[in-house]
Amino acid sequence: HRITNFTPDMLQADVEEAIARAFHLWSSVTPLRFTRIYDGQADIMISFAAGFHGDFYSFDGPGGTLAHAYAPGNGFGGDAHFDEDENWTKFTTYSGYNLFLVAAHELGHSLGLSHSNVFGALMYPIYTAVDTRDYQLHQDDIDGIQALYGPPKESAAVPTKAFPPQEPTEMVPAEAPTQMYPREEPTEMTPSKPPQRPDDCDPDLTFDAITTLRGETLFFKGSYVWRKSPYFSEIEHDTISSFWPTLMVSFDAAYEIDKRDRVLFFKDDQYWAVSGYSIESGFPKPIQNLGFPTTVRKIDAAVHDQSTKRTYFFVGNKYWSFNENTQSMERGYPRKIAADFQGIGHPIDAALQKDGYFYFFHGSNQYEVDIKKKKLIRIMKSNSWFNC
């Protein structure tokens, strides 16, 4: 194989490392061995280009098609092209696309694999941001490539098929350049397209979970997050994967313990702990570790009271009180929400503590509650935080 040029988005050494890792994924499960050359024609020519780049399938600018590759064959056969209008990165981040991950997918096509319909497989057609540290091929990918080349052999390595050198004068005449290469369509990779983010001022907007994080307030809905900073009037829009690529989406609940720089996220009967923007090791854990009975299968909402160091968990029409200092549930709970929070007579979707008040969200409305008196102050639209 040969890398004909480099993206300016990354250090050349990082590009070389990403491509080498991508090749190693496939050679580790087959008899194939790959050799890099630095000039001349290679079986797999790797390049970065924007727009029209000479192969009849122009790139479409940022987003859309990230890259494409041709199945083995003459001409463009085996070649992999990457859209230079994308932002290529060494790691999985919200600001670009992980080159190693996309390259490994495209090289699968270069070796003859088609797309997989198994979600989670490398050859699945939609780019999904995942943590690529210690990345391993899905069994579906292994089965596919071994069906073509067989499993690894302990004996001498089997080299990739080499095509004989081609002289330009022996190709199709210049007056018919469109016949010089096969016209088969390359296989493309596109970024995943989650459901469209709801409009900030949609009167029916609801939230899955809300929490603070290092001074900001984060509002979660599906795969999206709205960020409200105390320093800027504008609301920022991001995706959950831009913060935590390996974290589940559509949270049920979340809350921050700011003194510990820690946020807990809940999804079904599991929870994750995040320190800043890093997921702590050993997670997820079952919510029963916090003291919930096995009958509780999910948390509706959670909010931390900074003054008492208590966290309130809401499930249906009841709530629990958790002592963060002793890491245990308090006796006498669960209790009815309506009995202790005047004016709140329905389940809670999300909750937030801010400036001495609790904000309980239910549907498209939020209820401002005085923390000390546990008394309803006023009712507002859920998106009133967004300058609507």
Protein backbone atom coordinates (compact mmCIF):
# COMPACT_ATOMS: atom_id res chain seq x y z
CA HIS A 1 0.00 0.00 0.00
CA ARG A 2 1.01 3.61 -0.44
CA ILE A 3 -0.09 6.85 1.22
CA THR A 4 0.11 9.35 -1.62
CA ASN A 5 -0.54 12.49 0.45
CA PHE A 6 -1.43 13.59 3.96
CA THR A 7 -4.22 15.57 5.56
CA PRO A 8 -3.11 18.82 7.21
CA ASP A 9 -5.54 18.08 10.05
CA MET A 10 -3.08 15.71 11.74
CA LEU A 11 0.63 15.21 12.18
CA GLN A 12 2.06 13.01 9.43
CA ALA A 13 3.24 10.51 12.03
CA ASP A 14 -0.29 10.27 13.45
CA VAL A 15 -1.74 9.63 9.99
CA GLU A 16 0.83 6.90 9.39
CA GLU A 17 0.05 5.34 12.77
CA ALA A 18 -3.72 5.39 12.13
CA ILE A 19 -3.31 3.72 8.73
CA ALA A 20 -0.89 1.13 10.13
CA ARG A 21 -3.30 0.29 12.96
CA ALA A 22 -6.12 -0.07 10.46
CA PHE A 23 -4.13 -2.56 8.38
CA HIS A 24 -3.11 -4.46 11.50
CA LEU A 25 -6.76 -5.01 12.44
CA TRP A 26 -7.22 -7.08 9.29
CA SER A 27 -3.82 -8.80 9.24
CA SER A 28 -4.28 -9.95 12.84
CA VAL A 29 -7.19 -12.22 11.85
CA THR A 30 -6.04 -13.36 8.39
CA PRO A 31 -2.88 -14.65 6.66
CA LEU A 32 -2.60 -11.26 4.92
CA ARG A 33 0.49 -9.12 5.37
CA PHE A 34 0.75 -5.55 4.16
CA THR A 35 3.86 -3.71 3.02
CA ARG A 36 4.07 0.04 2.64
CA ILE A 37 5.84 1.49 -0.40
CA TYR A 38 6.76 5.13 -0.92
CA ASP A 39 6.55 5.55 -4.69
CA GLY A 40 5.10 3.81 -7.69
CA GLN A 41 1.82 1.92 -8.00
CA ALA A 42 0.52 -0.04 -5.01
CA ASP A 43 -2.42 -2.41 -4.75
CA ILE A 44 -4.02 0.00 -2.28
CA MET A 45 -3.43 3.70 -2.93
CA ILE A 46 -4.54 5.90 -0.03
CA SER A 47 -5.21 9.59 -0.60
CA PHE A 48 -6.95 12.68 0.78
CA ALA A 49 -8.89 14.91 -1.60
CA ALA A 50 -11.82 17.31 -1.69
CA GLY A 51 -14.58 17.56 -4.27
CA PHE A 52 -13.70 16.14 -7.68
CA HIS A 53 -10.60 13.97 -7.47
CA GLY A 54 -10.57 12.03 -10.74
CA ASP A 55 -12.61 8.91 -10.05
CA PHE A 56 -16.13 9.93 -11.15
CA TYR A 57 -17.39 10.08 -7.55
CA SER A 58 -16.75 13.56 -6.21
CA PHE A 59 -16.86 14.23 -2.50
CA ASP A 60 -19.66 16.41 -1.17
CA GLY A 61 -18.02 18.72 1.37
CA PRO A 62 -18.28 18.49 5.17
CA GLY A 63 -20.59 15.75 6.42
CA GLY A 64 -22.28 13.38 4.00
CA THR A 65 -19.77 10.95 2.53
CA LEU A 66 -16.63 10.71 4.69
CA ALA A 67 -14.61 8.38 2.48
CA HIS A 68 -14.98 5.67 -0.14
CA ALA A 69 -13.01 2.67 -1.32
CA TYR A 70 -13.00 0.29 -4.28
CA ALA A 71 -13.09 -3.48 -4.14
CA PRO A 72 -9.92 -5.29 -5.34
CA GLY A 73 -9.24 -4.94 -9.06
CA ASN A 74 -7.28 -3.01 -11.64
CA GLY A 75 -7.19 0.76 -11.91
CA PHE A 76 -8.83 2.24 -8.84
CA GLY A 77 -9.41 -1.26 -7.46
CA GLY A 78 -8.39 -1.42 -3.80
CA ASP A 79 -7.87 2.33 -3.49
CA ALA A 80 -9.24 4.30 -0.54
CA HIS A 81 -10.06 8.01 -0.73
CA PHE A 82 -10.77 10.29 2.24
CA ASP A 83 -12.71 13.54 1.98
CA GLU A 84 -10.33 16.37 2.88
CA ASP A 85 -13.28 18.63 3.65
CA GLU A 86 -13.82 16.56 6.79
CA ASN A 87 -11.81 17.21 9.94
CA TRP A 88 -9.69 14.12 10.61
CA THR A 89 -8.57 13.37 14.15
CA LYS A 90 -6.27 10.99 15.99
CA PHE A 91 -8.81 10.36 18.74
CA THR A 92 -12.59 10.15 18.81
CA THR A 93 -13.79 13.71 19.45
CA TYR A 94 -16.84 15.85 18.79
CA SER A 95 -14.89 18.07 16.39
CA GLY A 96 -14.01 15.53 13.72
CA TYR A 97 -13.86 11.94 12.54
CA ASN A 98 -11.47 9.32 13.89
CA LEU A 99 -9.14 8.51 10.98
CA PHE A 100 -8.22 5.06 12.29
CA LEU A 101 -11.87 4.04 12.56
CA VAL A 102 -12.83 5.27 9.09
CA ALA A 103 -9.63 3.90 7.52
CA ALA A 104 -10.19 0.45 9.01
CA HIS A 105 -13.72 0.44 7.57
CA GLU A 106 -12.57 1.55 4.12
CA LEU A 107 -9.71 -0.96 4.02
CA GLY A 108 -12.30 -3.65 4.65
CA HIS A 109 -13.83 -2.62 1.32
CA SER A 110 -10.37 -2.53 -0.27
CA LEU A 111 -9.99 -6.17 0.74
CA GLY A 112 -13.35 -7.14 -0.74
CA LEU A 113 -15.86 -6.80 2.10
CA SER A 114 -19.29 -5.29 1.61
CA HIS A 115 -21.28 -3.45 4.24
CA SER A 116 -22.61 -5.38 7.22
CA ASN A 117 -26.15 -5.11 8.57
CA VAL A 118 -24.92 -5.91 12.08
CA PHE A 119 -24.90 -2.79 14.24
CA GLY A 120 -21.59 -2.56 16.09
CA ALA A 121 -19.62 -4.24 13.32
CA LEU A 122 -16.81 -2.20 11.81
CA MET A 123 -18.33 -2.74 8.36
CA TYR A 124 -21.69 -1.30 9.41
CA PRO A 125 -22.28 1.53 6.89
CA ILE A 126 -22.84 4.33 9.40
CA TYR A 127 -19.98 6.00 11.25
CA THR A 128 -20.43 5.71 15.00
CA ALA A 129 -18.07 7.47 17.39
CA VAL A 130 -16.55 4.91 19.75
CA ASP A 131 -13.49 4.71 21.96
CA THR A 132 -10.78 3.16 19.77
CA ARG A 133 -8.33 2.30 22.53
CA ASP A 134 -7.78 -1.49 22.41
CA TYR A 135 -10.27 -1.62 19.54
CA GLN A 136 -11.12 -5.13 18.33
CA LEU A 137 -12.98 -6.36 15.27
CA HIS A 138 -16.56 -7.51 15.74
CA GLN A 139 -17.06 -11.24 15.18
CA ASP A 140 -19.14 -10.41 12.10
CA ASP A 141 -16.14 -8.60 10.59
CA ILE A 142 -13.86 -11.53 11.42
CA ASP A 143 -16.26 -14.03 9.87
CA GLY A 144 -16.51 -11.93 6.72
CA ILE A 145 -12.80 -11.42 6.12
CA GLN A 146 -11.93 -15.03 6.98
CA ALA A 147 -14.52 -16.23 4.48
CA LEU A 148 -12.39 -14.47 1.85
CA TYR A 149 -8.85 -15.16 3.07
CA GLY A 150 -9.05 -17.75 5.83
CA PRO A 151 -7.75 -17.54 9.41
CA PRO A 152 -4.18 -16.61 10.37
CA LYS A 153 -1.52 -19.21 9.65
CA GLU A 154 1.55 -19.91 11.70
CA SER A 155 3.49 -20.72 8.56
CA ALA A 156 4.91 -18.21 6.13
CA ALA A 157 2.70 -15.21 5.62
CA VAL A 158 0.58 -14.98 2.51
CA PRO A 159 1.21 -11.65 0.79
CA THR A 160 -1.56 -9.57 -0.64
CA LYS A 161 -2.20 -10.10 -4.33
CA ALA A 162 0.00 -7.87 -6.47
CA PHE A 163 -1.04 -6.71 -9.91
CA PRO A 164 1.60 -6.52 -12.65
CA PRO A 165 3.10 -3.09 -13.37
CA GLN A 166 1.02 -1.13 -15.84
CA GLU A 167 2.49 1.23 -18.38
CA PRO A 168 0.27 4.08 -19.50
CA THR A 169 0.81 3.24 -23.15
CA GLU A 170 -0.65 -0.21 -22.63
CA MET A 171 -3.89 1.07 -21.12
CA VAL A 172 -7.01 2.14 -22.95
CA PRO A 173 -6.21 4.85 -25.53
CA ALA A 174 -6.23 8.43 -24.31
CA GLU A 175 -9.16 9.35 -26.53
CA ALA A 176 -11.38 7.11 -24.39
CA PRO A 177 -10.31 8.06 -20.87
CA THR A 178 -13.64 7.17 -19.32
CA GLN A 179 -12.91 3.52 -20.08
CA MET A 180 -9.54 3.53 -18.41
CA TYR A 181 -10.88 2.33 -15.09
CA PRO A 182 -13.89 0.26 -14.06
CA ARG A 183 -16.92 2.44 -13.48
CA GLU A 184 -18.23 0.49 -10.49
CA GLU A 185 -19.37 2.75 -7.69
CA PRO A 186 -17.05 2.87 -4.66
CA THR A 187 -18.42 1.94 -1.30
CA GLU A 188 -18.99 4.96 0.90
CA MET A 189 -19.11 5.64 4.60
CA THR A 190 -21.40 8.29 5.99
CA PRO A 191 -21.79 9.72 9.49
CA SER A 192 -24.71 8.58 11.56
CA LYS A 193 -27.75 10.84 11.38
CA PRO A 194 -29.62 10.93 14.68
CA PRO A 195 -33.15 12.32 14.80
CA GLN A 196 -33.20 16.06 14.22
CA ARG A 197 -32.57 18.19 17.29
CA PRO A 198 -35.79 19.80 18.55
CA ASP A 199 -36.04 23.55 18.22
CA ASP A 200 -35.02 25.49 21.32
CA CYS A 201 -38.33 27.33 21.50
CA ASP A 202 -40.61 24.42 20.63
CA PRO A 203 -43.47 24.88 23.14
CA ASP A 204 -43.72 21.10 23.52
CA LEU A 205 -40.00 20.55 24.21
CA THR A 206 -39.29 18.01 26.96
CA PHE A 207 -36.03 16.77 28.48
CA ASP A 208 -34.73 13.34 29.45
CA ALA A 209 -32.34 14.62 32.12
CA ILE A 210 -30.69 17.83 33.33
CA THR A 211 -27.53 18.42 35.35
CA THR A 212 -24.90 21.01 36.06
CA LEU A 213 -21.27 20.46 35.05
CA ARG A 214 -18.44 22.78 36.04
CA GLY A 215 -20.70 25.82 36.15
CA GLU A 216 -22.69 25.03 33.03
CA THR A 217 -26.20 23.59 32.91
CA LEU A 218 -26.69 20.68 30.52
CA PHE A 219 -30.11 19.72 29.15
CA PHE A 220 -30.34 16.26 27.54
CA LYS A 221 -32.78 14.99 24.95
CA GLY A 222 -32.07 11.81 23.00
CA SER A 223 -28.53 12.13 21.62
CA TYR A 224 -28.46 15.93 22.00
CA VAL A 225 -27.33 18.27 24.74
CA TRP A 226 -28.02 21.99 25.21
CA ARG A 227 -25.32 23.88 27.14
CA LYS A 228 -26.17 27.01 29.10
CA SER A 229 -23.15 28.88 30.39
CA PRO A 230 -23.26 31.60 33.07
CA TYR A 231 -20.81 33.60 30.95
CA PHE A 232 -22.58 33.62 27.58
CA SER A 233 -26.14 34.43 26.61
CA GLU A 234 -26.19 32.10 23.63
CA ILE A 235 -27.16 28.45 24.07
CA GLU A 236 -24.62 25.98 22.67
CA HIS A 237 -25.73 22.79 20.96
CA ASP A 238 -23.75 19.55 21.02
CA THR A 239 -24.22 15.80 20.97
CA ILE A 240 -23.65 13.53 23.94
CA SER A 241 -21.00 11.64 21.97
CA SER A 242 -19.01 14.87 21.58
CA PHE A 243 -18.46 14.83 25.35
CA TRP A 244 -18.49 11.12 26.12
CA PRO A 245 -18.18 8.93 22.96
CA THR A 246 -18.78 5.64 24.82
CA LEU A 247 -21.63 6.80 27.04
CA MET A 248 -25.21 5.70 26.44
CA VAL A 249 -27.69 8.26 25.09
CA SER A 250 -31.25 9.07 26.15
CA PHE A 251 -30.36 9.27 29.85
CA ASP A 252 -33.08 8.78 32.44
CA ALA A 253 -31.47 11.01 35.06
CA ALA A 254 -28.27 12.85 35.96
CA TYR A 255 -26.85 14.97 38.76
CA GLU A 256 -23.57 16.64 39.75
CA ILE A 257 -21.67 16.66 43.02
CA ASP A 258 -19.65 19.77 42.25
CA LYS A 259 -17.32 19.52 45.24
CA ARG A 260 -16.10 16.19 43.84
CA ASP A 261 -16.19 17.27 40.18
CA ARG A 262 -18.37 14.24 39.55
CA VAL A 263 -21.56 13.62 37.57
CA LEU A 264 -23.67 10.47 37.72
CA PHE A 265 -25.74 9.40 34.71
CA PHE A 266 -28.55 6.85 34.89
CA LYS A 267 -29.95 4.66 32.14
CA ASP A 268 -32.40 1.86 32.96
CA ASP A 269 -30.96 -0.13 35.89
CA GLN A 270 -27.35 1.06 35.49
CA TYR A 271 -25.38 4.19 36.23
CA TRP A 272 -22.08 5.75 35.18
CA ALA A 273 -19.77 8.15 37.03
CA VAL A 274 -18.00 10.87 35.09
CA SER A 275 -15.16 13.03 36.39
CA GLY A 276 -15.18 16.15 34.27
CA TYR A 277 -15.22 14.69 30.77
CA SER A 278 -13.75 11.26 31.58
CA ILE A 279 -15.81 8.19 32.44
CA GLU A 280 -14.52 6.57 35.62
CA SER A 281 -13.28 2.99 35.37
CA GLY A 282 -15.45 0.20 36.71
CA PHE A 283 -18.70 1.60 35.32
CA PRO A 284 -21.53 1.04 34.57
CA LYS A 285 -22.76 -0.37 37.87
CA PRO A 286 -26.24 -1.57 38.89
CA ILE A 287 -28.40 1.00 40.65
CA GLN A 288 -28.95 -1.57 43.42
CA ASN A 289 -25.40 -0.68 44.54
CA LEU A 290 -26.88 2.61 45.75
CA GLY A 291 -29.46 0.83 47.88
CA PHE A 292 -32.45 0.55 45.56
CA PRO A 293 -34.57 -2.61 45.82
CA THR A 294 -34.57 -4.93 42.82
CA THR A 295 -38.13 -3.81 42.04
CA VAL A 296 -36.77 -0.43 40.90
CA ARG A 297 -35.68 -0.85 37.27
CA LYS A 298 -35.06 2.80 36.33
CA ILE A 299 -34.76 6.28 37.81
CA ASP A 300 -37.05 9.03 36.52
CA ALA A 301 -35.03 11.97 37.83
CA ALA A 302 -32.33 12.90 40.35
CA VAL A 303 -31.22 16.13 42.00
CA HIS A 304 -28.50 16.91 44.55
CA ASP A 305 -29.07 19.33 47.43
CA GLN A 306 -25.69 20.95 48.01
CA SER A 307 -26.60 22.31 51.44
CA THR A 308 -27.60 18.96 52.99
CA LYS A 309 -25.40 16.68 50.83
CA ARG A 310 -28.50 14.66 50.04
CA THR A 311 -29.50 13.42 46.61
CA TYR A 312 -33.17 12.86 45.86
CA PHE A 313 -34.10 10.10 43.43
CA PHE A 314 -37.58 10.17 41.90
CA VAL A 315 -39.33 6.99 40.76
CA GLY A 316 -43.00 7.17 39.81
CA ASN A 317 -44.90 9.04 42.53
CA LYS A 318 -42.24 8.38 45.20
CA TYR A 319 -38.75 9.57 46.02
CA TRP A 320 -35.68 8.34 47.92
CA SER A 321 -33.11 10.33 49.88
CA PHE A 322 -29.45 9.29 49.47
CA ASN A 323 -26.73 10.46 51.88
CA GLU A 324 -23.66 11.26 49.77
CA ASN A 325 -21.38 11.32 52.83
CA THR A 326 -22.27 7.82 54.00
CA GLN A 327 -23.13 6.56 50.51
CA SER A 328 -26.36 5.02 51.75
CA MET A 329 -30.11 5.45 51.47
CA GLU A 330 -31.75 7.15 54.43
CA ARG A 331 -34.30 5.36 56.56
CA GLY A 332 -37.96 6.15 56.13
CA TYR A 333 -37.85 6.25 52.34
CA PRO A 334 -39.34 6.06 49.80
CA ARG A 335 -41.93 8.72 50.52
CA LYS A 336 -44.73 10.17 48.39
CA ILE A 337 -43.59 13.16 46.33
CA ALA A 338 -46.91 14.96 46.83
CA ALA A 339 -46.64 14.57 50.62
CA ASP A 340 -43.33 16.44 50.89
CA PHE A 341 -43.27 18.77 47.88
CA GLN A 342 -46.33 21.00 47.95
CA GLY A 343 -47.90 21.44 44.52
CA ILE A 344 -46.05 18.54 42.87
CA GLY A 345 -48.57 15.79 42.30
CA HIS A 346 -47.19 13.94 39.31
CA PRO A 347 -44.09 11.97 38.27
CA ILE A 348 -40.96 13.97 37.47
CA ASP A 349 -39.09 13.68 34.13
CA ALA A 350 -35.97 15.65 35.10
CA ALA A 351 -34.75 17.78 37.99
CA LEU A 352 -32.26 20.58 38.60
CA GLN A 353 -30.94 22.46 41.65
CA LYS A 354 -30.05 26.08 40.99
CA ASP A 355 -29.61 29.15 43.22
CA GLY A 356 -31.60 27.82 46.16
CA TYR A 357 -34.41 26.30 44.13
CA PHE A 358 -35.33 22.91 42.78
CA TYR A 359 -36.73 22.80 39.26
CA PHE A 360 -38.89 19.77 38.59
CA PHE A 361 -39.69 19.10 34.95
CA HIS A 362 -42.86 17.32 33.85
CA GLY A 363 -43.70 17.30 30.15
CA SER A 364 -43.21 20.76 28.67
CA ASN A 365 -43.53 22.50 32.06
CA GLN A 366 -41.16 23.05 34.97
CA TYR A 367 -42.02 23.71 38.59
CA GLU A 368 -39.85 26.03 40.67
CA VAL A 369 -39.74 24.83 44.29
CA ASP A 370 -38.20 26.54 47.32
CA ILE A 371 -35.66 24.02 48.63
CA LYS A 372 -36.01 24.83 52.34
CA LYS A 373 -39.79 25.12 52.40
CA LYS A 374 -40.34 22.49 49.69
CA LYS A 375 -43.08 24.76 48.42
CA LEU A 376 -44.09 25.46 44.81
CA ILE A 377 -43.23 29.02 43.77
CA ARG A 378 -44.21 29.17 40.10
CA ILE A 379 -44.75 27.14 36.92
CA MET A 380 -42.85 27.91 33.70
CA LYS A 381 -42.23 26.35 30.30
CA SER A 382 -39.38 23.85 30.30
CA ASN A 383 -37.41 25.80 27.70
CA SER A 384 -37.59 29.16 29.50
CA TRP A 385 -33.83 28.68 30.11
CA PHE A 386 -33.27 29.17 26.37
CA ASN A 387 -34.32 32.82 26.14
CA CYS A 388 -37.64 31.83 24.60
